PDB file of N, CA and C in Angstrom:
ATOM      1  N   MET A   1     -50.564 121.515 -64.957  1.00  0.00           N
ATOM      2  CA  MET A   1     -50.998 120.135 -64.750  1.00  0.00           C
ATOM      3  C   MET A   1     -50.990 119.775 -63.257  1.00  0.00           C
ATOM      4  N   THR A   2     -49.910 120.085 -62.560  1.00  0.00           N
ATOM      5  CA  THR A   2     -49.851 119.749 -61.133  1.00  0.00           C
ATOM      6  C   THR A   2     -50.844 120.578 -60.326  1.00  0.00           C
ATOM      7  N   ASP A   3     -51.161 121.794 -60.795  1.00  0.00           N
ATOM      8  CA  ASP A   3     -52.174 122.600 -60.116  1.00  0.00           C
ATOM      9  C   ASP A   3     -53.530 121.920 -60.188  1.00  0.00           C
ATOM     10  N   THR A   4     -53.834 121.331 -61.333  1.00  0.00           N
ATOM     11  CA  THR A   4     -55.098 120.615 -61.513  1.00  0.00           C
ATOM     12  C   THR A   4     -55.139 119.378 -60.636  1.00  0.00           C
ATOM     13  N   ILE A   5     -54.017 118.659 -60.589  1.00  0.00           N
ATOM     14  CA  ILE A   5     -53.933 117.458 -59.756  1.00  0.00           C
ATOM     15  C   ILE A   5     -54.081 117.832 -58.285  1.00  0.00           C
ATOM     16  N   ALA A   6     -53.399 118.886 -57.855  1.00  0.00           N
ATOM     17  CA  ALA A   6     -53.490 119.327 -56.463  1.00  0.00           C
ATOM     18  C   ALA A   6     -54.912 119.775 -56.135  1.00  0.00           C
ATOM     19  N   ALA A   7     -55.551 120.483 -57.040  1.00  0.00           N
ATOM     20  CA  ALA A   7     -56.925 120.940 -56.818  1.00  0.00           C
ATOM     21  C   ALA A   7     -57.881 119.751 -56.743  1.00  0.00           C
ATOM     22  N   ASP A   8     -57.683 118.772 -57.604  1.00  0.00           N
ATOM     23  CA  ASP A   8     -58.527 117.569 -57.578  1.00  0.00           C
ATOM     24  C   ASP A   8     -58.336 116.804 -56.279  1.00  0.00           C
ATOM     25  N   ARG A   9     -57.094 116.683 -55.858  1.00  0.00           N
ATOM     26  CA  ARG A   9     -56.789 115.970 -54.602  1.00  0.00           C
ATOM     27  C   ARG A   9     -57.436 116.693 -53.415  1.00  0.00           C
ATOM     28  N   LEU A  10     -57.327 118.029 -53.407  1.00  0.00           N
ATOM     29  CA  LEU A  10     -57.928 118.829 -52.349  1.00  0.00           C
ATOM     30  C   LEU A  10     -59.449 118.670 -52.339  1.00  0.00           C
ATOM     31  N   ARG A  11     -60.061 118.717 -53.503  1.00  0.00           N
ATOM     32  CA  ARG A  11     -61.510 118.556 -53.607  1.00  0.00           C
ATOM     33  C   ARG A  11     -61.933 117.186 -53.077  1.00  0.00           C
ATOM     34  N   LEU A  12     -61.206 116.140 -53.423  1.00  0.00           N
ATOM     35  CA  LEU A  12     -61.523 114.788 -52.949  1.00  0.00           C
ATOM     36  C   LEU A  12     -61.396 114.688 -51.429  1.00  0.00           C
ATOM     37  N   LEU A  13     -60.367 115.301 -50.879  1.00  0.00           N
ATOM     38  CA  LEU A  13     -60.190 115.282 -49.428  1.00  0.00           C
ATOM     39  C   LEU A  13     -61.341 116.004 -48.726  1.00  0.00           C
ATOM     40  N   ILE A  14     -61.712 117.163 -49.257  1.00  0.00           N
ATOM     41  CA  ILE A  14     -62.810 117.923 -48.662  1.00  0.00           C
ATOM     42  C   ILE A  14     -64.122 117.156 -48.756  1.00  0.00           C
ATOM     43  N   GLU A  15     -64.389 116.542 -49.880  1.00  0.00           N
ATOM     44  CA  GLU A  15     -65.615 115.752 -50.031  1.00  0.00           C
ATOM     45  C   GLU A  15     -65.630 114.573 -49.067  1.00  0.00           C
ATOM     46  N   ARG A  16     -64.474 113.967 -48.873  1.00  0.00           N
ATOM     47  CA  ARG A  16     -64.380 112.854 -47.927  1.00  0.00           C
ATOM     48  C   ARG A  16     -64.662 113.326 -46.505  1.00  0.00           C
ATOM     49  N   ILE A  17     -64.100 114.462 -46.131  1.00  0.00           N
ATOM     50  CA  ILE A  17     -64.365 115.024 -44.808  1.00  0.00           C
ATOM     51  C   ILE A  17     -65.848 115.318 -44.650  1.00  0.00           C
ATOM     52  N   GLU A  18     -66.458 115.879 -45.663  1.00  0.00           N
ATOM     53  CA  GLU A  18     -67.890 116.192 -45.600  1.00  0.00           C
ATOM     54  C   GLU A  18     -68.730 114.934 -45.407  1.00  0.00           C
ATOM     55  N   ARG A  19     -68.391 113.864 -46.100  1.00  0.00           N
ATOM     56  CA  ARG A  19     -69.120 112.595 -45.920  1.00  0.00           C
ATOM     57  C   ARG A  19     -68.956 112.067 -44.505  1.00  0.00           C
ATOM     58  N   LEU A  20     -67.735 112.131 -43.982  1.00  0.00           N
ATOM     59  CA  LEU A  20     -67.478 111.665 -42.622  1.00  0.00           C
ATOM     60  C   LEU A  20     -68.219 112.513 -41.594  1.00  0.00           C
ATOM     61  N   GLU A  21     -68.279 113.827 -41.814  1.00  0.00           N
ATOM     62  CA  GLU A  21     -69.027 114.709 -40.913  1.00  0.00           C
ATOM     63  C   GLU A  21     -70.506 114.332 -40.904  1.00  0.00           C
ATOM     64  N   GLU A  22     -71.048 113.999 -42.058  1.00  0.00           N
ATOM     65  CA  GLU A  22     -72.451 113.581 -42.146  1.00  0.00           C
ATOM     66  C   GLU A  22     -72.670 112.267 -41.395  1.00  0.00           C
ATOM     67  N   GLU A  23     -71.745 111.328 -41.551  1.00  0.00           N
ATOM     68  CA  GLU A  23     -71.838 110.065 -40.811  1.00  0.00           C
ATOM     69  C   GLU A  23     -71.760 110.321 -39.311  1.00  0.00           C
ATOM     70  N   LYS A  24     -70.889 111.239 -38.910  1.00  0.00           N
ATOM     71  CA  LYS A  24     -70.728 111.575 -37.498  1.00  0.00           C
ATOM     72  C   LYS A  24     -72.037 112.134 -36.935  1.00  0.00           C
ATOM     73  N   ARG A  25     -72.711 112.992 -37.700  1.00  0.00           N
ATOM     74  CA  ARG A  25     -74.000 113.527 -37.251  1.00  0.00           C
ATOM     75  C   ARG A  25     -75.018 112.402 -37.085  1.00  0.00           C
ATOM     76  N   GLY A  26     -75.009 111.458 -38.009  1.00  0.00           N
ATOM     77  CA  GLY A  26     -75.919 110.321 -37.916  1.00  0.00           C
ATOM     78  C   GLY A  26     -75.647 109.475 -36.683  1.00  0.00           C
ATOM     79  N   ILE A  27     -74.396 109.235 -36.403  1.00  0.00           N
ATOM     80  CA  ILE A  27     -74.018 108.457 -35.217  1.00  0.00           C
ATOM     81  C   ILE A  27     -74.393 109.210 -33.952  1.00  0.00           C
ATOM     82  N   ALA A  28     -74.173 110.534 -33.939  1.00  0.00           N
ATOM     83  CA  ALA A  28     -74.537 111.341 -32.767  1.00  0.00           C
ATOM     84  C   ALA A  28     -76.048 111.255 -32.522  1.00  0.00           C
ATOM     85  N   ASP A  29     -76.825 111.263 -33.590  1.00  0.00           N
ATOM     86  CA  ASP A  29     -78.281 111.124 -33.449  1.00  0.00           C
ATOM     87  C   ASP A  29     -78.640 109.757 -32.882  1.00  0.00           C
ATOM     88  N   ASP A  30     -77.947 108.712 -33.337  1.00  0.00           N
ATOM     89  CA  ASP A  30     -78.189 107.361 -32.827  1.00  0.00           C
ATOM     90  C   ASP A  30     -77.871 107.282 -31.334  1.00  0.00           C
ATOM     91  N   ILE A  31     -76.765 107.876 -30.929  1.00  0.00           N
ATOM     92  CA  ILE A  31     -76.374 107.874 -29.513  1.00  0.00           C
ATOM     93  C   ILE A  31     -77.421 108.609 -28.689  1.00  0.00           C
ATOM     94  N   LYS A  32     -77.888 109.742 -29.194  1.00  0.00           N
ATOM     95  CA  LYS A  32     -78.928 110.506 -28.507  1.00  0.00           C
ATOM     96  C   LYS A  32     -80.186 109.656 -28.331  1.00  0.00           C
ATOM     97  N   ASP A  33     -80.539 108.905 -29.353  1.00  0.00           N
ATOM     98  CA  ASP A  33     -81.713 108.024 -29.272  1.00  0.00           C
ATOM     99  C   ASP A  33     -81.541 106.957 -28.199  1.00  0.00           C
ATOM    100  N   VAL A  34     -80.337 106.396 -28.096  1.00  0.00           N
ATOM    101  CA  VAL A  34     -80.083 105.358 -27.092  1.00  0.00           C
ATOM    102  C   VAL A  34     -80.185 105.948 -25.684  1.00  0.00           C
ATOM    103  N   TYR A  35     -79.634 107.147 -25.493  1.00  0.00           N
ATOM    104  CA  TYR A  35     -79.782 107.800 -24.188  1.00  0.00           C
ATOM    105  C   TYR A  35     -81.250 108.079 -23.884  1.00  0.00           C
ATOM    106  N   GLY A  36     -82.014 108.470 -24.890  1.00  0.00           N
ATOM    107  CA  GLY A  36     -83.446 108.685 -24.700  1.00  0.00           C
ATOM    108  C   GLY A  36     -84.158 107.412 -24.312  1.00  0.00           C
ATOM    109  N   GLU A  37     -83.769 106.317 -24.943  1.00  0.00           N
ATOM    110  CA  GLU A  37     -84.345 105.011 -24.605  1.00  0.00           C
ATOM    111  C   GLU A  37     -84.010 104.630 -23.168  1.00  0.00           C
ATOM    112  N   ALA A  38     -82.761 104.868 -22.777  1.00  0.00           N
ATOM    113  CA  ALA A  38     -82.340 104.559 -21.404  1.00  0.00           C
ATOM    114  C   ALA A  38     -83.149 105.384 -20.413  1.00  0.00           C
ATOM    115  N   LYS A  39     -83.346 106.657 -20.724  1.00  0.00           N
ATOM    116  CA  LYS A  39     -84.104 107.534 -19.834  1.00  0.00           C
ATOM    117  C   LYS A  39     -85.561 107.086 -19.732  1.00  0.00           C
ATOM    118  N   SER A  40     -86.152 106.703 -20.845  1.00  0.00           N
ATOM    119  CA  SER A  40     -87.549 106.275 -20.825  1.00  0.00           C
ATOM    120  C   SER A  40     -87.724 104.950 -20.093  1.00  0.00           C
ATOM    121  N   THR A  41     -86.641 104.186 -19.958  1.00  0.00           N
ATOM    122  CA  THR A  41     -86.674 102.929 -19.226  1.00  0.00           C
ATOM    123  C   THR A  41     -86.482 103.146 -17.732  1.00  0.00           C
ATOM    124  N   GLY A  42     -86.092 104.389 -17.373  1.00  0.00           N
ATOM    125  CA  GLY A  42     -85.935 104.704 -15.966  1.00  0.00           C
ATOM    126  C   GLY A  42     -84.497 104.846 -15.500  1.00  0.00           C
ATOM    127  N   PHE A  43     -83.549 104.728 -16.422  1.00  0.00           N
ATOM    128  CA  PHE A  43     -82.145 104.877 -16.052  1.00  0.00           C
ATOM    129  C   PHE A  43     -81.765 106.352 -16.023  1.00  0.00           C
ATOM    130  N   ASP A  44     -80.797 106.687 -15.173  1.00  0.00           N
ATOM    131  CA  ASP A  44     -80.296 108.047 -15.074  1.00  0.00           C
ATOM    132  C   ASP A  44     -79.212 108.248 -16.126  1.00  0.00           C
ATOM    133  N   THR A  45     -79.494 109.086 -17.111  1.00  0.00           N
ATOM    134  CA  THR A  45     -78.558 109.236 -18.232  1.00  0.00           C
ATOM    135  C   THR A  45     -77.278 109.963 -17.832  1.00  0.00           C
ATOM    136  N   LYS A  46     -77.349 110.813 -16.835  1.00  0.00           N
ATOM    137  CA  LYS A  46     -76.137 111.485 -16.370  1.00  0.00           C
ATOM    138  C   LYS A  46     -75.141 110.457 -15.828  1.00  0.00           C
ATOM    139  N   THR A  47     -75.660 109.497 -15.082  1.00  0.00           N
ATOM    140  CA  THR A  47     -74.806 108.437 -14.534  1.00  0.00           C
ATOM    141  C   THR A  47     -74.285 107.536 -15.649  1.00  0.00           C
ATOM    142  N   ILE A  48     -75.135 107.238 -16.620  1.00  0.00           N
ATOM    143  CA  ILE A  48     -74.693 106.406 -17.748  1.00  0.00           C
ATOM    144  C   ILE A  48     -73.570 107.111 -18.503  1.00  0.00           C
ATOM    145  N   ARG A  49     -73.710 108.417 -18.727  1.00  0.00           N
ATOM    146  CA  ARG A  49     -72.658 109.166 -19.421  1.00  0.00           C
ATOM    147  C   ARG A  49     -71.344 109.110 -18.643  1.00  0.00           C
ATOM    148  N   GLN A  50     -71.451 109.202 -17.322  1.00  0.00           N
ATOM    149  CA  GLN A  50     -70.253 109.135 -16.481  1.00  0.00           C
ATOM    150  C   GLN A  50     -69.601 107.758 -16.592  1.00  0.00           C
ATOM    151  N   ILE A  51     -70.407 106.718 -16.600  1.00  0.00           N
ATOM    152  CA  ILE A  51     -69.859 105.360 -16.724  1.00  0.00           C
ATOM    153  C   ILE A  51     -69.199 105.175 -18.082  1.00  0.00           C
ATOM    154  N   VAL A  52     -69.830 105.665 -19.142  1.00  0.00           N
ATOM    155  CA  VAL A  52     -69.238 105.565 -20.484  1.00  0.00           C
ATOM    156  C   VAL A  52     -67.885 106.277 -20.497  1.00  0.00           C
ATOM    157  N   ARG A  53     -67.836 107.462 -19.888  1.00  0.00           N
ATOM    158  CA  ARG A  53     -66.578 108.221 -19.825  1.00  0.00           C
ATOM    159  C   ARG A  53     -65.514 107.448 -19.039  1.00  0.00           C
ATOM    160  N   LEU A  54     -65.913 106.841 -17.912  1.00  0.00           N
ATOM    161  CA  LEU A  54     -64.968 106.077 -17.098  1.00  0.00           C
ATOM    162  C   LEU A  54     -64.459 104.835 -17.821  1.00  0.00           C
ATOM    163  N   ARG A  55     -65.342 104.182 -18.564  1.00  0.00           N
ATOM    164  CA  ARG A  55     -64.937 102.965 -19.280  1.00  0.00           C
ATOM    165  C   ARG A  55     -63.930 103.252 -20.387  1.00  0.00           C
ATOM    166  N   LYS A  56     -63.897 104.494 -20.871  1.00  0.00           N
ATOM    167  CA  LYS A  56     -62.921 104.874 -21.892  1.00  0.00           C
ATOM    168  C   LYS A  56     -61.524 105.054 -21.295  1.00  0.00           C
ATOM    169  N   MET A  57     -61.488 105.280 -19.982  1.00  0.00           N
ATOM    170  CA  MET A  57     -60.215 105.549 -19.312  1.00  0.00           C
ATOM    171  C   MET A  57     -59.492 104.255 -18.969  1.00  0.00           C
ATOM    172  N   GLU A  58     -58.169 104.337 -18.917  1.00  0.00           N
ATOM    173  CA  GLU A  58     -57.390 103.206 -18.441  1.00  0.00           C
ATOM    174  C   GLU A  58     -57.568 103.100 -16.931  1.00  0.00           C
ATOM    175  N   LYS A  59     -57.391 101.887 -16.408  1.00  0.00           N
ATOM    176  CA  LYS A  59     -57.656 101.642 -14.989  1.00  0.00           C
ATOM    177  C   LYS A  59     -56.859 102.574 -14.084  1.00  0.00           C
ATOM    178  N   HIS A  60     -55.596 102.777 -14.359  1.00  0.00           N
ATOM    179  CA  HIS A  60     -54.795 103.629 -13.473  1.00  0.00           C
ATOM    180  C   HIS A  60     -55.286 105.084 -13.505  1.00  0.00           C
ATOM    181  N   HIS A  61     -55.834 105.532 -14.622  1.00  0.00           N
ATOM    182  CA  HIS A  61     -56.406 106.882 -14.675  1.00  0.00           C
ATOM    183  C   HIS A  61     -57.717 106.947 -13.886  1.00  0.00           C
ATOM    184  N   ARG A  62     -58.526 105.879 -13.973  1.00  0.00           N
ATOM    185  CA  ARG A  62     -59.769 105.823 -13.176  1.00  0.00           C
ATOM    186  C   ARG A  62     -59.435 105.833 -11.691  1.00  0.00           C
ATOM    187  N   ASP A  63     -58.449 105.022 -11.300  1.00  0.00           N
ATOM    188  CA  ASP A  63     -58.050 104.967  -9.887  1.00  0.00           C
ATOM    189  C   ASP A  63     -57.551 106.325  -9.402  1.00  0.00           C
ATOM    190  N   GLU A  64     -56.769 106.990 -10.229  1.00  0.00           N
ATOM    191  CA  GLU A  64     -56.244 108.303  -9.869  1.00  0.00           C
ATOM    192  C   GLU A  64     -57.385 109.322  -9.720  1.00  0.00           C
ATOM    193  N   ALA A  65     -58.332 109.304 -10.640  1.00  0.00           N
ATOM    194  CA  ALA A  65     -59.465 110.229 -10.574  1.00  0.00           C
ATOM    195  C   ALA A  65     -60.318 109.953  -9.335  1.00  0.00           C
ATOM    196  N   ALA A  66     -60.540 108.677  -9.019  1.00  0.00           N
ATOM    197  CA  ALA A  66     -61.337 108.313  -7.846  1.00  0.00           C
ATOM    198  C   ALA A  66     -60.634 108.754  -6.559  1.00  0.00           C
ATOM    199  N   ALA A  67     -59.319 108.584  -6.500  1.00  0.00           N
ATOM    200  CA  ALA A  67     -58.565 108.989  -5.311  1.00  0.00           C
ATOM    201  C   ALA A  67     -58.603 110.505  -5.144  1.00  0.00           C
ATOM    202  N   LEU A  68     -58.479 111.212  -6.233  1.00  0.00           N
ATOM    203  CA  LEU A  68     -58.523 112.670  -6.175  1.00  0.00           C
ATOM    204  C   LEU A  68     -59.909 113.157  -5.753  1.00  0.00           C
ATOM    205  N   LEU A  69     -60.940 112.548  -6.282  1.00  0.00           N
ATOM    206  CA  LEU A  69     -62.305 112.900  -5.889  1.00  0.00           C
ATOM    207  C   LEU A  69     -62.510 112.652  -4.397  1.00  0.00           C
ATOM    208  N   GLU A  70     -62.052 111.512  -3.915  1.00  0.00           N
ATOM    209  CA  GLU A  70     -62.177 111.178  -2.494  1.00  0.00           C
ATOM    210  C   GLU A  70     -61.431 112.197  -1.633  1.00  0.00           C
ATOM    211  N   THR A  71     -60.243 112.584  -2.061  1.00  0.00           N
ATOM    212  CA  THR A  71     -59.457 113.581  -1.326  1.00  0.00           C
ATOM    213  C   THR A  71     -60.195 114.914  -1.250  1.00  0.00           C
ATOM    214  N   TYR A  72     -60.731 115.360  -2.373  1.00  0.00           N
ATOM    215  CA  TYR A  72     -61.475 116.626  -2.409  1.00  0.00           C
ATOM    216  C   TYR A  72     -62.730 116.548  -1.558  1.00  0.00           C
ATOM    217  N   MET A  73     -63.433 115.424  -1.622  1.00  0.00           N
ATOM    218  CA  MET A  73     -64.653 115.275  -0.832  1.00  0.00           C
ATOM    219  C   MET A  73     -64.340 115.317   0.663  1.00  0.00           C
ATOM    220  N   GLN A  74     -63.266 114.644   1.076  1.00  0.00           N
ATOM    221  CA  GLN A  74     -62.865 114.671   2.480  1.00  0.00           C
ATOM    222  C   GLN A  74     -62.483 116.088   2.910  1.00  0.00           C
ATOM    223  N   ALA A  75     -61.800 116.808   2.053  1.00  0.00           N
ATOM    224  CA  ALA A  75     -61.384 118.168   2.375  1.00  0.00           C
ATOM    225  C   ALA A  75     -62.593 119.080   2.573  1.00  0.00           C
ATOM    226  N   LEU A  76     -63.684 118.771   1.873  1.00  0.00           N
ATOM    227  CA  LEU A  76     -64.897 119.592   1.976  1.00  0.00           C
ATOM    228  C   LEU A  76     -65.904 119.024   2.979  1.00  0.00           C
ATOM    229  N   GLY A  77     -65.529 117.922   3.649  1.00  0.00           N
ATOM    230  CA  GLY A  77     -66.421 117.317   4.624  1.00  0.00           C
ATOM    231  C   GLY A  77     -67.611 116.591   4.019  1.00  0.00           C
ATOM    232  N   LEU A  78     -67.454 116.131   2.796  1.00  0.00           N
ATOM    233  CA  LEU A  78     -68.538 115.411   2.123  1.00  0.00           C
ATOM    234  C   LEU A  78     -68.409 113.903   2.258  1.00  0.00           C
ATOM    235  N   ALA A  79     -67.301 113.430   2.800  1.00  0.00           N
ATOM    236  CA  ALA A  79     -67.109 111.979   2.905  1.00  0.00           C
ATOM    237  C   ALA A  79     -66.946 111.566   4.360  1.00  0.00           C
TER     238      ALA A  79
END
């Protein structure tokens, strides 16, 4: 009896994961479409991706990354 219950529970979990994976693919397609729209409007998608990545970071992490980038650029004579 418990083997059947465990198997049913496992099957339900796997089916749930599969549904979520399908939703994730749909969302990824939507994001791709938005980047395509931005590009067709004349925006640089590489820069937009960088801004999206930066906005996910906490301010102190952004500040730290910017300071490190500035340090590396100065060391290479780029700043």
